[in-house]
């Protein structure tokens, strides 16, 4: 990959040198030419990644097993829980100040509801993916 970066850097240097020699009137054509080379490189990289992904899917299907994708790391779930508890403090204070005990109950029902939905979200996605049988590229 570094060799290709070196080639692209050489192309950029050549484009800048040509601009210096030819002048500003050719700047647009030189930039278009350089961007076309960058686009070709991106297309090549993207094609290679798509082919690799499709090959991995074929191997997985041929083996007859589909490994479930991780739906959320422990850090993501833990962070969501911590943030909801931190936000619970001002929400509880606002609820008590405006509506007393009823406001406190409503605030905590909202907090518990949001956390319950977050916890249930992972299982729902896993069940949906298993039923659909669709690959990752069709989502």
Protein backbone atom coordinates (compact mmCIF):
# COMPACT_ATOMS: atom_id res chain seq x y z
CA UNK A 1 0.00 0.00 0.00
CA UNK A 2 2.86 2.37 0.73
CA UNK A 3 4.25 1.86 -2.79
CA UNK A 4 0.95 3.00 -4.24
CA UNK A 5 0.97 6.04 -1.94
CA UNK A 6 4.46 6.81 -3.19
CA UNK A 7 3.22 6.57 -6.80
CA UNK A 8 0.35 8.94 -6.06
CA UNK A 9 2.74 11.39 -4.39
CA UNK A 10 4.98 11.28 -7.46
CA UNK A 11 1.95 11.99 -9.67
CA UNK A 12 1.02 14.96 -7.50
CA UNK A 13 4.57 16.29 -7.62
CA UNK A 14 4.61 15.91 -11.41
CA UNK A 15 1.27 17.72 -11.67
CA UNK A 16 2.52 20.59 -9.54
CA UNK A 17 5.74 20.81 -11.52
CA UNK A 18 3.79 20.83 -14.80
CA UNK A 19 1.59 23.62 -13.44
CA UNK A 20 4.70 25.62 -12.63
CA UNK A 21 6.04 25.14 -16.15
CA UNK A 22 2.76 25.57 -18.05
CA UNK A 23 1.22 28.31 -15.97
CA UNK A 24 -2.16 28.87 -14.37
CA UNK A 25 -4.11 28.62 -17.64
CA UNK A 26 -3.61 24.83 -17.68
CA UNK A 27 -4.37 24.41 -13.97
CA UNK A 28 -7.90 23.09 -14.52
CA UNK A 29 -6.78 20.42 -17.00
CA UNK A 30 -3.91 19.34 -14.74
CA UNK A 31 -6.18 19.06 -11.71
CA UNK A 32 -8.76 17.08 -13.70
CA UNK A 33 -6.04 14.70 -14.88
CA UNK A 34 -4.73 14.18 -11.35
CA UNK A 35 -8.23 13.67 -9.93
CA UNK A 36 -8.94 11.10 -12.64
CA UNK A 37 -5.89 9.13 -11.50
CA UNK A 38 -7.05 9.34 -7.89
CA UNK A 39 -10.53 8.18 -8.93
CA UNK A 40 -9.05 5.20 -10.80
CA UNK A 41 -7.08 4.25 -7.71
CA UNK A 42 -10.18 4.49 -5.52
CA UNK A 43 -12.17 2.38 -7.98
CA UNK A 44 -9.47 -0.27 -7.97
CA UNK A 45 -9.36 -0.34 -4.17
CA UNK A 46 -13.13 -0.49 -3.89
CA UNK A 47 -13.38 -3.29 -6.46
CA UNK A 48 -10.77 -5.29 -4.57
CA UNK A 49 -12.65 -4.84 -1.28
CA UNK A 50 -15.99 -5.83 -2.80
CA UNK A 51 -14.46 -8.93 -4.37
CA UNK A 52 -12.86 -9.87 -1.03
CA UNK A 53 -16.15 -9.38 0.81
CA UNK A 54 -18.07 -11.48 -1.72
CA UNK A 55 -15.44 -14.22 -1.53
CA UNK A 56 -15.70 -14.26 2.26
CA UNK A 57 -19.48 -14.55 2.00
CA UNK A 58 -19.19 -17.44 -0.45
CA UNK A 59 -16.81 -19.26 1.87
CA UNK A 60 -19.17 -18.71 4.80
CA UNK A 61 -22.16 -19.97 2.83
CA UNK A 62 -20.17 -22.96 1.54
CA UNK A 63 -19.29 -23.92 5.10
CA UNK A 64 -22.96 -23.73 5.99
CA UNK A 65 -22.50 -21.46 8.93
CA UNK A 66 -23.17 -17.80 9.36
CA UNK A 67 -21.39 -16.14 12.22
CA UNK A 68 -23.56 -13.51 13.93
CA UNK A 69 -22.28 -9.97 13.74
CA UNK A 70 -21.58 -8.27 17.06
CA UNK A 71 -24.50 -5.95 17.72
CA UNK A 72 -22.93 -3.67 20.24
CA UNK A 73 -19.79 -3.86 22.23
CA UNK A 74 -19.75 -3.99 25.99
CA UNK A 75 -18.35 -0.46 26.01
CA UNK A 76 -21.27 0.85 23.97
CA UNK A 77 -23.86 -0.73 26.25
CA UNK A 78 -21.99 0.31 29.39
CA UNK A 79 -21.58 3.86 28.12
CA UNK A 80 -25.28 4.13 27.31
CA UNK A 81 -26.16 2.97 30.82
CA UNK A 82 -23.74 5.39 32.47
CA UNK A 83 -24.95 8.33 30.40
CA UNK A 84 -28.58 7.56 31.17
CA UNK A 85 -27.81 7.43 34.89
CA UNK A 86 -25.88 10.70 34.75
CA UNK A 87 -28.79 12.35 32.96
CA UNK A 88 -31.19 10.84 35.49
CA UNK A 89 -30.00 13.28 38.14
CA UNK A 90 -31.08 16.51 36.44
CA UNK A 91 -34.20 14.85 34.99
CA UNK A 92 -35.23 13.74 38.47
CA UNK A 93 -34.64 17.23 39.85
CA UNK A 94 -36.66 18.83 37.05
CA UNK A 95 -39.48 16.31 37.53
CA UNK A 96 -39.64 16.86 41.31
CA UNK A 97 -39.44 20.66 40.98
CA UNK A 98 -42.26 20.83 38.45
CA UNK A 99 -44.63 18.03 39.44
CA UNK A 100 -43.45 16.59 42.75
CA UNK A 101 -43.54 12.83 43.20
CA UNK A 102 -45.51 12.33 39.97
CA UNK A 103 -42.78 14.12 38.02
CA UNK A 104 -40.13 11.95 39.61
CA UNK A 105 -42.05 8.78 38.70
CA UNK A 106 -42.54 9.96 35.09
CA UNK A 107 -38.84 10.84 34.75
CA UNK A 108 -37.73 7.43 36.01
CA UNK A 109 -40.28 5.60 33.87
CA UNK A 110 -38.75 7.36 30.87
CA UNK A 111 -35.21 6.46 31.91
CA UNK A 112 -36.12 2.82 32.51
CA UNK A 113 -38.05 2.72 29.23
CA UNK A 114 -35.17 4.06 27.18
CA UNK A 115 -32.75 1.59 28.77
CA UNK A 116 -35.18 -1.30 28.25
CA UNK A 117 -35.51 -0.41 24.57
CA UNK A 118 -31.74 -0.18 24.22
CA UNK A 119 -31.32 -3.60 25.86
CA UNK A 120 -34.06 -5.18 23.71
CA UNK A 121 -32.71 -3.63 20.51
CA UNK A 122 -29.81 -6.08 20.24
CA UNK A 123 -31.92 -9.22 20.49
CA UNK A 124 -34.46 -7.87 18.00
CA UNK A 125 -31.76 -7.17 15.42
CA UNK A 126 -30.28 -10.63 15.84
CA UNK A 127 -33.66 -12.33 15.39
CA UNK A 128 -34.50 -10.15 12.38
CA UNK A 129 -31.18 -10.90 10.67
CA UNK A 130 -31.54 -14.64 11.21
CA UNK A 131 -35.05 -14.66 9.72
CA UNK A 132 -34.31 -12.50 6.73
CA UNK A 133 -31.21 -14.34 5.50
CA UNK A 134 -30.13 -11.19 3.71
CA UNK A 135 -26.49 -10.41 3.37
CA UNK A 136 -24.82 -7.32 4.79
CA UNK A 137 -24.73 -5.49 1.45
CA UNK A 138 -28.49 -5.45 1.01
CA UNK A 139 -29.32 -3.58 4.24
